[in-house]
């Protein structure tokens, strides 16, 4: 069971105002990093012209970020547990700023891909921030703080689209990346000023072989998922990558179980509470991203289709933006429900809300306000689910493994979103109508994706039912032994 997970309120060095500052600064850093997911969406159709490259090549400006984030998240989490969570968070933000500057100075493809990959390396900020909160916050602020930090992934994505569309419509496209760099610099100033470095560390030697094995396996898996639609799902490259992913990850797992200091402690990961939560996270990630794929397209398709609303990208972003605010607003509600009933119940409630949101979308999709309402309902559900997951993970792992465990959970959500993108892409490409010689996704195609999104949410609900009961209460009651351990000292189990 877990070690100390939060400082008590009377610890002396963590008065409530400073705790609020820690939460605010870390949540801001999480939002800044999550903005990169939607940063390039307004300019993706124009990238071939802007970079003078084929569309198949410019797609790597998106794929590179996905792959880099998948590799960096678990690795940075482990390094944070070993050498300092705030230190690795700052290094991650430096990667974001560097990547943003590289992209801002780019007019050709290769530097853009390099810059976007560097931005992806910052993806570990959110799980690192959650882990810092576990070590530093008073017990009564921990649940609300981690819920808000976890929700920042969705908040940044929802608020980023209208902001990016506004900048792209009124300024040179390079300003998108200068703005990202500026916000990263602000985070670099605020984090050292308000966020203390945790004393909970494992020390030891980094598992380089495990890091390389996980990186190769994840890259093969996610590359096959993200590019399978372009290469053909039964084509040689796609099937070869899937086969390589299975073989490499099996070999990696065999090695991790036998090494003394693994990158990922698979025995801890196999604990029922951690394993089931991670499986539910894949389904939740899928259901969340389905909304992001469907609603903007419905808003932008021409009215001549009979179901498109003919709106601009900026309008589509503004329709999605309230969902981010709802996620932020539901974070404290999620924390309160978790405190009263346990995070398992919170996760199940959130999954049902998401499923209801997609059910509404299937019947209500003919007016802009319909989609605003749907996005807010789904956003509320995501706020509940994302707020509950850190509590479930932290209630089942030692404090010395918090960053690595939260990073793996974040990775599971990312895999879910990647699968959602691939599945929705296949469905919308196959279920089409002809409009003036152009194939456009059909209304039935959108409804099918929404039904699958609802099904994924219900699957998350069913999976969450197998999570053990309220064992995570140890998070608020265990004496703070580990939080006061000297750097490099082992945690007490």
Protein backbone atom coordinates (compact mmCIF):
# COMPACT_ATOMS: atom_id res chain seq x y z
CA UNK A 1 0.00 0.00 0.00
CA UNK A 2 0.96 3.55 -0.49
CA UNK A 3 3.33 5.60 1.62
CA UNK A 4 2.63 9.15 2.68
CA UNK A 5 0.91 11.03 -0.04
CA UNK A 6 0.31 14.48 1.33
CA UNK A 7 1.66 16.84 3.95
CA UNK A 8 -0.72 17.52 6.83
CA UNK A 9 -2.25 20.95 7.10
CA UNK A 10 -0.15 21.88 10.13
CA UNK A 11 3.20 21.04 8.59
CA UNK A 12 4.21 24.68 8.92
CA UNK A 13 5.93 25.12 5.59
CA UNK A 14 2.78 24.70 3.49
CA UNK A 15 0.24 27.33 4.45
CA UNK A 16 -2.99 27.34 2.42
CA UNK A 17 -2.04 30.38 0.28
CA UNK A 18 1.19 28.74 -0.89
CA UNK A 19 -0.72 25.53 -1.59
CA UNK A 20 -3.10 27.47 -3.81
CA UNK A 21 -0.11 28.93 -5.63
CA UNK A 22 1.39 25.47 -6.17
CA UNK A 23 -1.87 24.20 -7.65
CA UNK A 24 -2.38 27.28 -9.84
CA UNK A 25 1.17 27.26 -11.22
CA UNK A 26 1.24 23.53 -11.92
CA UNK A 27 -2.20 23.64 -13.55
CA UNK A 28 -1.05 26.54 -15.71
CA UNK A 29 2.00 24.53 -16.78
CA UNK A 30 -0.27 21.60 -17.64
CA UNK A 31 -2.55 23.79 -19.74
CA UNK A 32 0.43 25.30 -21.57
CA UNK A 33 1.72 21.84 -22.48
CA UNK A 34 -1.70 20.51 -23.51
CA UNK A 35 -2.17 23.49 -25.85
CA UNK A 36 0.40 21.94 -28.19
CA UNK A 37 -2.14 19.23 -29.08
CA UNK A 38 -4.41 21.73 -30.84
CA UNK A 39 -1.80 24.33 -31.75
CA UNK A 40 -1.36 23.26 -35.38
CA UNK A 41 -4.94 22.20 -36.15
CA UNK A 42 -5.86 25.52 -37.84
CA UNK A 43 -2.87 25.35 -40.17
CA UNK A 44 -2.75 21.60 -40.93
CA UNK A 45 -4.57 22.00 -44.31
CA UNK A 46 -2.13 24.77 -45.26
CA UNK A 47 1.10 23.07 -44.14
CA UNK A 48 1.91 21.63 -47.60
CA UNK A 49 1.85 25.17 -49.03
CA UNK A 50 3.55 26.81 -46.04
CA UNK A 51 6.38 24.27 -45.91
CA UNK A 52 6.53 23.47 -49.62
CA UNK A 53 6.15 19.74 -49.01
CA UNK A 54 3.63 16.97 -49.85
CA UNK A 55 0.70 16.53 -47.47
CA UNK A 56 1.86 12.99 -46.63
CA UNK A 57 5.12 14.46 -45.34
CA UNK A 58 3.66 17.44 -43.48
CA UNK A 59 1.43 15.02 -41.54
CA UNK A 60 4.60 14.15 -39.62
CA UNK A 61 4.32 17.55 -37.91
CA UNK A 62 1.44 15.96 -35.98
CA UNK A 63 2.73 12.39 -35.81
CA UNK A 64 6.14 13.43 -34.46
CA UNK A 65 4.52 15.09 -31.44
CA UNK A 66 2.43 12.01 -30.73
CA UNK A 67 5.39 9.64 -30.87
CA UNK A 68 7.70 11.88 -28.83
CA UNK A 69 5.05 12.33 -26.15
CA UNK A 70 4.43 8.59 -25.90
CA UNK A 71 8.13 7.88 -25.38
CA UNK A 72 8.85 10.82 -23.08
CA UNK A 73 5.93 10.44 -20.67
CA UNK A 74 6.97 7.20 -18.91
CA UNK A 75 10.69 7.96 -19.16
CA UNK A 76 10.40 11.45 -17.68
CA UNK A 77 8.11 10.13 -14.96
CA UNK A 78 10.71 7.58 -13.88
CA UNK A 79 13.49 10.17 -14.00
CA UNK A 80 11.35 12.45 -11.86
CA UNK A 81 11.00 9.76 -9.20
CA UNK A 82 14.75 9.21 -9.29
CA UNK A 83 16.26 12.69 -9.55
CA UNK A 84 13.55 15.22 -8.70
CA UNK A 85 10.09 15.85 -10.07
CA UNK A 86 10.34 19.63 -10.29
CA UNK A 87 13.71 19.32 -12.03
CA UNK A 88 12.26 17.06 -14.71
CA UNK A 89 9.17 19.27 -15.03
CA UNK A 90 11.41 22.28 -15.73
CA UNK A 91 13.45 20.28 -18.25
CA UNK A 92 10.19 19.28 -19.97
CA UNK A 93 9.05 22.90 -20.21
CA UNK A 94 12.47 23.85 -21.60
CA UNK A 95 11.89 21.24 -24.33
CA UNK A 96 8.52 22.87 -25.07
CA UNK A 97 10.04 26.34 -25.32
CA UNK A 98 12.93 25.10 -27.47
CA UNK A 99 10.61 23.22 -29.79
CA UNK A 100 8.29 26.21 -30.09
CA UNK A 101 11.18 28.50 -31.04
CA UNK A 102 12.45 25.99 -33.61
CA UNK A 103 8.98 25.82 -35.18
CA UNK A 104 8.60 29.61 -35.07
CA UNK A 105 11.84 29.97 -37.04
CA UNK A 106 10.97 27.23 -39.54
CA UNK A 107 9.84 27.63 -43.11
CA UNK A 108 10.71 24.11 -44.29
CA UNK A 109 9.62 20.65 -43.21
CA UNK A 110 12.53 19.09 -41.30
CA UNK A 111 12.97 21.83 -38.66
CA UNK A 112 9.20 21.86 -38.17
CA UNK A 113 9.16 18.13 -37.47
CA UNK A 114 12.13 18.48 -35.10
CA UNK A 115 10.43 21.33 -33.26
CA UNK A 116 7.15 19.46 -32.95
CA UNK A 117 9.00 16.41 -31.60
CA UNK A 118 10.67 18.61 -28.99
CA UNK A 119 7.25 19.95 -28.01
CA UNK A 120 6.06 16.37 -27.59
CA UNK A 121 8.86 15.71 -25.11
CA UNK A 122 7.08 18.06 -22.69
CA UNK A 123 4.10 15.72 -22.31
CA UNK A 124 5.27 14.49 -18.92
CA UNK A 125 4.44 17.81 -17.22
CA UNK A 126 0.94 16.77 -16.13
CA UNK A 127 1.85 13.48 -14.40
CA UNK A 128 4.88 15.16 -12.85
CA UNK A 129 2.68 17.96 -11.56
CA UNK A 130 0.26 15.46 -10.02
CA UNK A 131 3.17 13.72 -8.31
CA UNK A 132 4.53 16.99 -6.92
CA UNK A 133 1.11 17.73 -5.47
CA UNK A 134 1.08 14.35 -3.76
CA UNK A 135 4.37 15.17 -2.07
CA UNK A 136 3.72 18.82 -1.21
CA UNK A 137 0.03 19.58 -0.66
CA UNK A 138 -1.87 19.36 2.63
CA UNK A 139 -4.20 16.38 2.69
CA UNK A 140 -7.36 18.49 2.39
CA UNK A 141 -6.13 20.12 -0.84
CA UNK A 142 -4.68 17.06 -2.53
CA UNK A 143 -7.82 15.65 -4.18
CA UNK A 144 -8.93 18.98 -5.63
CA UNK A 145 -5.44 19.89 -6.80
CA UNK A 146 -4.77 16.61 -8.57
CA UNK A 147 -8.24 16.66 -10.15
CA UNK A 148 -7.57 20.11 -11.59
CA UNK A 149 -4.09 19.11 -12.76
CA UNK A 150 -5.41 16.01 -14.48
CA UNK A 151 -8.24 17.99 -16.11
CA UNK A 152 -5.72 20.50 -17.48
CA UNK A 153 -5.07 18.01 -20.31
CA UNK A 154 -8.61 18.55 -21.58
CA UNK A 155 -8.80 22.21 -20.61
CA UNK A 156 -5.76 23.16 -22.66
CA UNK A 157 -6.99 21.21 -25.66
CA UNK A 158 -10.45 22.80 -25.56
CA UNK A 159 -9.23 26.36 -25.06
CA UNK A 160 -6.36 25.97 -27.50
CA UNK A 161 -8.46 25.47 -30.62
CA UNK A 162 -10.26 28.83 -30.64
CA UNK A 163 -7.10 30.64 -29.54
CA UNK A 164 -5.04 29.01 -32.28
CA UNK A 165 -7.75 29.68 -34.88
CA UNK A 166 -7.93 33.34 -33.86
CA UNK A 167 -4.16 33.75 -34.15
CA UNK A 168 -3.98 31.87 -37.46
CA UNK A 169 -6.78 33.98 -38.98
CA UNK A 170 -5.28 37.34 -37.98
CA UNK A 171 -1.50 36.90 -37.81
CA UNK A 172 1.36 35.11 -39.50
CA UNK A 173 1.27 31.40 -38.65
CA UNK A 174 4.66 31.60 -36.91
CA UNK A 175 2.96 33.64 -34.15
CA UNK A 176 1.29 30.41 -32.99
CA UNK A 177 4.66 29.06 -31.93
CA UNK A 178 5.99 32.34 -30.55
CA UNK A 179 2.90 32.46 -28.33
CA UNK A 180 3.56 28.89 -27.19
CA UNK A 181 7.18 29.77 -26.41
CA UNK A 182 6.10 32.86 -24.44
CA UNK A 183 3.70 30.88 -22.27
CA UNK A 184 6.40 28.28 -21.70
CA UNK A 185 8.78 31.00 -20.51
CA UNK A 186 6.13 32.23 -18.07
CA UNK A 187 5.85 28.70 -16.70
CA UNK A 188 9.63 28.50 -16.37
CA UNK A 189 9.56 31.64 -14.22
CA UNK A 190 6.57 30.64 -12.08
CA UNK A 191 7.50 27.03 -11.30
CA UNK A 192 10.82 27.74 -9.47
CA UNK A 193 9.21 30.69 -7.68
CA UNK A 194 6.20 28.82 -6.25
CA UNK A 195 6.76 25.05 -6.54
CA UNK A 196 9.16 23.34 -4.10
CA UNK A 197 11.32 20.39 -5.09
CA UNK A 198 10.05 17.15 -3.60
CA UNK A 199 12.29 15.24 -1.21
CA UNK A 200 10.72 11.92 -2.20
CA UNK A 201 13.24 10.24 -4.52
CA UNK A 202 14.30 6.71 -5.27
CA UNK A 203 17.80 7.46 -6.54
CA UNK A 204 19.53 4.58 -8.30
CA UNK A 205 20.48 4.01 -11.92
CA UNK A 206 18.20 4.66 -14.89
CA UNK A 207 17.06 1.57 -16.80
CA UNK A 208 18.45 2.50 -20.21
CA UNK A 209 17.69 -0.86 -21.83
CA UNK A 210 14.12 -0.70 -20.55
CA UNK A 211 13.77 2.87 -21.82
CA UNK A 212 14.97 1.93 -25.29
CA UNK A 213 12.76 -1.16 -25.40
CA UNK A 214 9.64 0.76 -24.37
CA UNK A 215 10.42 3.55 -26.83
CA UNK A 216 10.82 1.14 -29.75
CA UNK A 217 7.68 -0.80 -28.84
CA UNK A 218 5.52 2.30 -28.39
CA UNK A 219 6.77 3.95 -31.56
CA UNK A 220 5.96 0.81 -33.57
CA UNK A 221 2.50 0.54 -32.02
CA UNK A 222 1.49 4.19 -32.32
CA UNK A 223 3.02 4.61 -35.76
CA UNK A 224 0.97 1.68 -37.02
CA UNK A 225 -2.19 3.10 -35.42
CA UNK A 226 -1.67 6.66 -36.64
CA UNK A 227 -0.49 5.86 -40.17
CA UNK A 228 -2.46 2.67 -40.84
CA UNK A 229 -5.22 4.58 -42.57
CA UNK A 230 -2.73 6.08 -45.04
CA UNK A 231 -0.65 2.96 -45.58
CA UNK A 232 -3.53 0.47 -45.55
CA UNK A 233 -4.50 -1.59 -42.49
CA UNK A 234 -3.57 -4.84 -44.20
CA UNK A 235 -0.44 -3.44 -45.86
CA UNK A 236 3.02 -4.77 -45.14
CA UNK A 237 4.33 -1.72 -43.24
CA UNK A 238 1.29 -1.56 -40.95
CA UNK A 239 1.19 -5.27 -40.13
CA UNK A 240 4.97 -5.33 -39.76
CA UNK A 241 4.87 -2.51 -37.23
CA UNK A 242 2.08 -4.17 -35.24
CA UNK A 243 4.04 -7.43 -35.18
CA UNK A 244 7.23 -5.62 -34.16
CA UNK A 245 5.33 -3.82 -31.38
CA UNK A 246 4.03 -7.10 -29.96
CA UNK A 247 7.42 -8.80 -30.07
CA UNK A 248 9.37 -5.85 -28.68
CA UNK A 249 6.90 -5.14 -25.86
CA UNK A 250 6.80 -8.82 -24.86
CA UNK A 251 10.59 -8.90 -24.74
CA UNK A 252 10.60 -5.61 -22.85
CA UNK A 253 8.16 -6.99 -20.28
CA UNK A 254 10.30 -10.11 -19.81
CA UNK A 255 13.34 -7.92 -19.21
CA UNK A 256 11.56 -5.51 -16.86
CA UNK A 257 10.45 -8.39 -14.63
CA UNK A 258 14.03 -9.54 -14.27
CA UNK A 259 15.98 -6.31 -13.86
CA UNK A 260 16.72 -4.95 -10.40
CA UNK A 261 15.59 -1.35 -11.03
CA UNK A 262 13.08 -1.43 -13.91
CA UNK A 263 11.80 1.58 -15.82
CA UNK A 264 8.27 0.38 -15.04
CA UNK A 265 7.63 -1.84 -12.04
CA UNK A 266 5.30 -4.29 -13.73
CA UNK A 267 4.47 -5.99 -10.45
CA UNK A 268 3.14 -2.72 -9.09
CA UNK A 269 1.39 -2.04 -12.40
CA UNK A 270 -0.27 -5.45 -12.19
CA UNK A 271 -1.93 -4.58 -8.88
CA UNK A 272 -5.65 -4.77 -9.44
CA UNK A 273 -6.38 -1.12 -8.68
CA UNK A 274 -3.61 0.16 -10.96
CA UNK A 275 -4.23 -2.32 -13.78
CA UNK A 276 -7.99 -1.82 -13.93
CA UNK A 277 -7.65 1.96 -13.70
CA UNK A 278 -5.20 1.96 -16.61
CA UNK A 279 -7.52 -0.21 -18.70
CA UNK A 280 -10.41 2.15 -17.96
CA UNK A 281 -8.13 5.06 -18.92
CA UNK A 282 -7.72 3.67 -22.44
CA UNK A 283 -11.50 3.59 -22.88
CA UNK A 284 -11.90 7.08 -21.38
CA UNK A 285 -9.19 8.49 -23.67
CA UNK A 286 -11.01 6.97 -26.64
CA UNK A 287 -14.36 8.42 -25.66
CA UNK A 288 -12.94 11.88 -24.99
CA UNK A 289 -11.18 12.20 -28.33
CA UNK A 290 -14.18 11.03 -30.34
CA UNK A 291 -15.89 14.33 -29.44
CA UNK A 292 -12.89 16.32 -30.65
CA UNK A 293 -13.05 14.53 -34.01
CA UNK A 294 -16.80 14.76 -34.63
CA UNK A 295 -18.02 18.12 -33.40
CA UNK A 296 -15.61 20.41 -35.32
CA UNK A 297 -16.36 18.59 -38.56
CA UNK A 298 -20.12 18.81 -38.06
CA UNK A 299 -19.78 22.53 -37.46
CA UNK A 300 -17.63 23.18 -40.53
CA UNK A 301 -19.28 20.97 -43.16
CA UNK A 302 -21.39 22.95 -45.65
CA UNK A 303 -25.11 23.31 -44.99
CA UNK A 304 -25.82 21.72 -48.38
CA UNK A 305 -25.10 18.34 -46.82
CA UNK A 306 -28.28 18.68 -44.80
CA UNK A 307 -26.51 18.18 -41.46
CA UNK A 308 -23.40 20.37 -41.63
CA UNK A 309 -23.67 23.81 -40.02
CA UNK A 310 -21.33 25.71 -42.34
CA UNK A 311 -19.38 27.49 -39.61
CA UNK A 312 -15.76 28.65 -39.53
CA UNK A 313 -12.93 26.95 -37.66
CA UNK A 314 -12.93 29.83 -35.17
CA UNK A 315 -16.62 29.25 -34.46
CA UNK A 316 -15.96 25.54 -34.06
CA UNK A 317 -13.26 26.35 -31.54
CA UNK A 318 -15.55 28.69 -29.63
CA UNK A 319 -18.20 25.97 -29.48
CA UNK A 320 -15.65 23.56 -27.98
CA UNK A 321 -14.14 26.08 -25.55
CA UNK A 322 -16.90 25.90 -22.89
CA UNK A 323 -16.16 22.20 -22.44
CA UNK A 324 -12.70 23.13 -21.15
CA UNK A 325 -14.20 25.56 -18.66
CA UNK A 326 -16.67 22.88 -17.55
CA UNK A 327 -13.79 20.43 -17.00
CA UNK A 328 -12.11 23.02 -14.80
CA UNK A 329 -15.32 23.71 -12.89
CA UNK A 330 -16.04 20.03 -12.27
CA UNK A 331 -12.56 19.34 -10.82
CA UNK A 332 -13.55 20.37 -7.26
CA UNK A 333 -16.88 18.55 -7.63
CA UNK A 334 -15.00 15.44 -8.69
CA UNK A 335 -12.73 15.78 -5.66
CA UNK A 336 -15.72 16.17 -3.32
CA UNK A 337 -17.43 13.06 -4.71
CA UNK A 338 -14.18 11.11 -4.41
CA UNK A 339 -13.84 12.18 -0.80
CA UNK A 340 -17.40 11.20 0.02
CA UNK A 341 -17.81 8.04 -2.04
CA UNK A 342 -14.34 7.14 -3.29
CA UNK A 343 -12.66 7.79 -6.67
CA UNK A 344 -14.01 4.54 -8.10
CA UNK A 345 -17.55 5.94 -7.87
CA UNK A 346 -16.37 9.25 -9.37
CA UNK A 347 -14.85 7.45 -12.35
CA UNK A 348 -18.04 5.47 -12.93
CA UNK A 349 -20.23 8.58 -12.68
CA UNK A 350 -18.00 10.41 -15.15
CA UNK A 351 -18.15 7.54 -17.64
CA UNK A 352 -21.96 7.52 -17.51
CA UNK A 353 -22.08 11.29 -18.05
CA UNK A 354 -19.85 10.95 -21.12
CA UNK A 355 -22.06 8.19 -22.52
CA UNK A 356 -25.15 10.37 -21.98
CA UNK A 357 -23.42 13.22 -23.80
CA UNK A 358 -22.87 11.09 -26.88
CA UNK A 359 -26.44 9.84 -26.68
CA UNK A 360 -27.63 13.45 -26.76
CA UNK A 361 -25.36 14.15 -29.73
CA UNK A 362 -26.90 11.35 -31.77
CA UNK A 363 -30.32 13.01 -31.48
CA UNK A 364 -29.31 16.68 -31.15
CA UNK A 365 -26.89 17.83 -33.86
CA UNK A 366 -28.81 20.29 -36.02
CA UNK A 367 -28.10 23.56 -34.15
CA UNK A 368 -24.98 25.21 -32.79
CA UNK A 369 -26.42 25.29 -29.28
CA UNK A 370 -26.98 21.54 -29.49
CA UNK A 371 -23.27 20.98 -29.95
CA UNK A 372 -22.36 23.48 -27.23
CA UNK A 373 -24.58 21.57 -24.82
CA UNK A 374 -23.19 18.20 -25.90
CA UNK A 375 -19.58 19.35 -25.55
CA UNK A 376 -20.32 20.69 -22.05
CA UNK A 377 -21.98 17.45 -20.93
CA UNK A 378 -19.10 15.35 -22.25
CA UNK A 379 -16.64 17.85 -20.74
CA UNK A 380 -18.28 17.43 -17.35
CA UNK A 381 -17.93 13.67 -17.62
CA UNK A 382 -14.30 13.94 -18.63
CA UNK A 383 -13.69 16.26 -15.68
CA UNK A 384 -15.03 13.58 -13.34
CA UNK A 385 -13.08 10.73 -14.90
CA UNK A 386 -9.78 12.59 -15.22
CA UNK A 387 -10.12 13.89 -11.68
CA UNK A 388 -10.56 10.39 -10.24
CA UNK A 389 -7.69 8.59 -11.95
CA UNK A 390 -4.75 10.17 -10.09
CA UNK A 391 -6.42 9.35 -6.77
CA UNK A 392 -6.88 5.73 -7.81
CA UNK A 393 -3.28 5.43 -8.97
CA UNK A 394 -1.76 7.19 -5.97
CA UNK A 395 -3.80 5.07 -3.59
CA UNK A 396 -2.10 1.93 -4.86
CA UNK A 397 1.57 2.82 -5.40
CA UNK A 398 4.39 3.95 -3.09
CA UNK A 399 5.15 7.66 -2.98
CA UNK A 400 8.56 6.93 -4.51
CA UNK A 401 6.85 5.61 -7.69
CA UNK A 402 4.14 8.24 -8.05
CA UNK A 403 5.50 10.05 -11.11
CA UNK A 404 6.21 6.84 -13.03
CA UNK A 405 2.77 5.40 -12.21
CA UNK A 406 0.91 8.60 -13.16
CA UNK A 407 2.96 8.88 -16.34
CA UNK A 408 1.97 5.36 -17.35
CA UNK A 409 -1.68 6.24 -16.69
CA UNK A 410 -1.35 9.34 -18.88
CA UNK A 411 0.19 7.16 -21.59
CA UNK A 412 -2.80 4.82 -21.44
CA UNK A 413 -5.13 7.74 -22.08
CA UNK A 414 -2.95 8.80 -25.02
CA UNK A 415 -3.15 5.32 -26.52
CA UNK A 416 -6.93 5.55 -26.23
CA UNK A 417 -7.00 8.86 -28.10
CA UNK A 418 -4.74 7.45 -30.81
CA UNK A 419 -7.00 4.45 -31.30
CA UNK A 420 -10.03 6.76 -31.40
CA UNK A 421 -8.43 8.83 -34.14
CA UNK A 422 -7.70 5.73 -36.21
CA UNK A 423 -11.13 4.15 -35.74
CA UNK A 424 -13.01 7.38 -36.44
CA UNK A 425 -10.83 8.02 -39.48
CA UNK A 426 -11.69 4.63 -40.97
CA UNK A 427 -15.42 5.02 -40.30
CA UNK A 428 -15.67 8.54 -41.67
CA UNK A 429 -13.62 7.59 -44.74
CA UNK A 430 -15.90 4.64 -45.51
CA UNK A 431 -19.29 6.19 -44.73
CA UNK A 432 -19.46 9.16 -47.11
CA UNK A 433 -21.73 11.16 -49.39
CA UNK A 434 -20.86 12.81 -52.68
CA UNK A 435 -21.17 16.60 -52.76
CA UNK A 436 -20.06 18.31 -55.95
CA UNK A 437 -17.59 15.54 -56.71
CA UNK A 438 -16.10 15.53 -53.20
CA UNK A 439 -16.55 12.67 -50.73
CA UNK A 440 -17.62 13.99 -47.34
CA UNK A 441 -18.40 12.05 -44.14
CA UNK A 442 -22.05 11.13 -43.95
CA UNK A 443 -24.48 11.86 -41.14
CA UNK A 444 -24.68 8.13 -40.39
CA UNK A 445 -20.87 8.05 -40.21
CA UNK A 446 -20.85 10.73 -37.53
CA UNK A 447 -23.63 8.98 -35.60
CA UNK A 448 -21.68 5.73 -35.77
CA UNK A 449 -18.58 7.39 -34.29
CA UNK A 450 -20.70 8.95 -31.56
CA UNK A 451 -22.29 5.58 -30.78
CA UNK A 452 -18.84 4.03 -30.50
CA UNK A 453 -17.76 6.91 -28.25
CA UNK A 454 -20.74 6.16 -26.01
CA UNK A 455 -19.86 2.48 -26.08
CA UNK A 456 -16.28 3.26 -25.05
CA UNK A 457 -17.56 5.30 -22.10
CA UNK A 458 -19.86 2.45 -21.05
CA UNK A 459 -16.92 0.07 -21.37
CA UNK A 460 -14.94 2.34 -19.03
CA UNK A 461 -17.88 2.19 -16.60
CA UNK A 462 -17.94 -1.61 -16.73
CA UNK A 463 -14.16 -1.88 -16.29
CA UNK A 464 -14.21 0.56 -13.37
CA UNK A 465 -16.68 -1.69 -11.56
CA UNK A 466 -13.79 -4.14 -11.00
CA UNK A 467 -11.65 -1.54 -9.19
CA UNK A 468 -11.35 -2.38 -5.48
CA UNK A 469 -13.33 -0.29 -3.00
CA UNK A 470 -12.22 2.76 -1.05
CA UNK A 471 -8.62 1.75 -0.39
CA UNK A 472 -7.38 5.12 -1.60
CA UNK A 473 -8.39 6.75 1.67
CA UNK A 474 -4.83 5.93 2.79
CA UNK A 475 -3.88 8.87 0.62
CA UNK A 476 -5.25 11.27 3.17
CA UNK A 477 -4.53 9.41 6.38
CA UNK A 478 -1.10 7.80 6.28
CA UNK A 479 1.53 9.65 8.33
CA UNK A 480 3.92 11.68 6.16
CA UNK A 481 7.05 9.56 6.56
CA UNK A 482 8.05 9.40 2.93
CA UNK A 483 7.41 13.07 2.31
CA UNK A 484 10.14 13.90 4.78
CA UNK A 485 12.65 11.32 3.53
CA UNK A 486 16.03 12.65 2.43
CA UNK A 487 16.82 12.63 -1.24
CA UNK A 488 17.71 9.19 -2.46
CA UNK A 489 16.37 7.41 0.63
CA UNK A 490 14.04 4.47 0.00
CA UNK A 491 10.37 4.85 0.78
CA UNK A 492 8.89 3.00 3.72
CA UNK A 493 6.41 0.24 2.90
